[in-house]
Amino acid sequence: MLERGEFRISVGASSRDIRLAQDIAVEATPPAVPLSGTSTLAEWLGDPVGGQALRDALGTGPDGRPAGILGNGELLAIIGNMPLGTLTAFPGLGVTEELVATLITTVDERRAEATPGPRQRW
């Protein structure tokens, strides 16, 4: 994993005897933030993989717009900063403990498929 930014590479006999230096720019994709039941609804929706998994799970209405809690902008403004796991306590939102567990597994699997190398479990 690489951090994005500007770096100076220096080579020398010691830190007081630098004989060669070069500035480089590293372009890197930021690491994905782990998503869990304690991640907020806004964090889930802001994550490319998590947001898509959540939208897929909650579906769309007959008009093609997001269904359930995702289709209500006023409600999203109120509950957007609440952890996804907390939303399971509110009947009628369509968010259950089983759904949260499934979403976490789905995100983990999709990220593993998209990332070469050993699989990380969040």
Foldseek 3Di string as FASTA:
>chain_A
DDDFAKDKDFDAPDPVGTDDIDIDGDDDDDDQDQAAQQAFQLSQCPGPQSVVLVQVLQDPDPVRHGDAQRRDPVSCVVRRRGGLNVCCVDPPRSRHPVSRVVSNVRSQVVVPVVDDDDRDRD
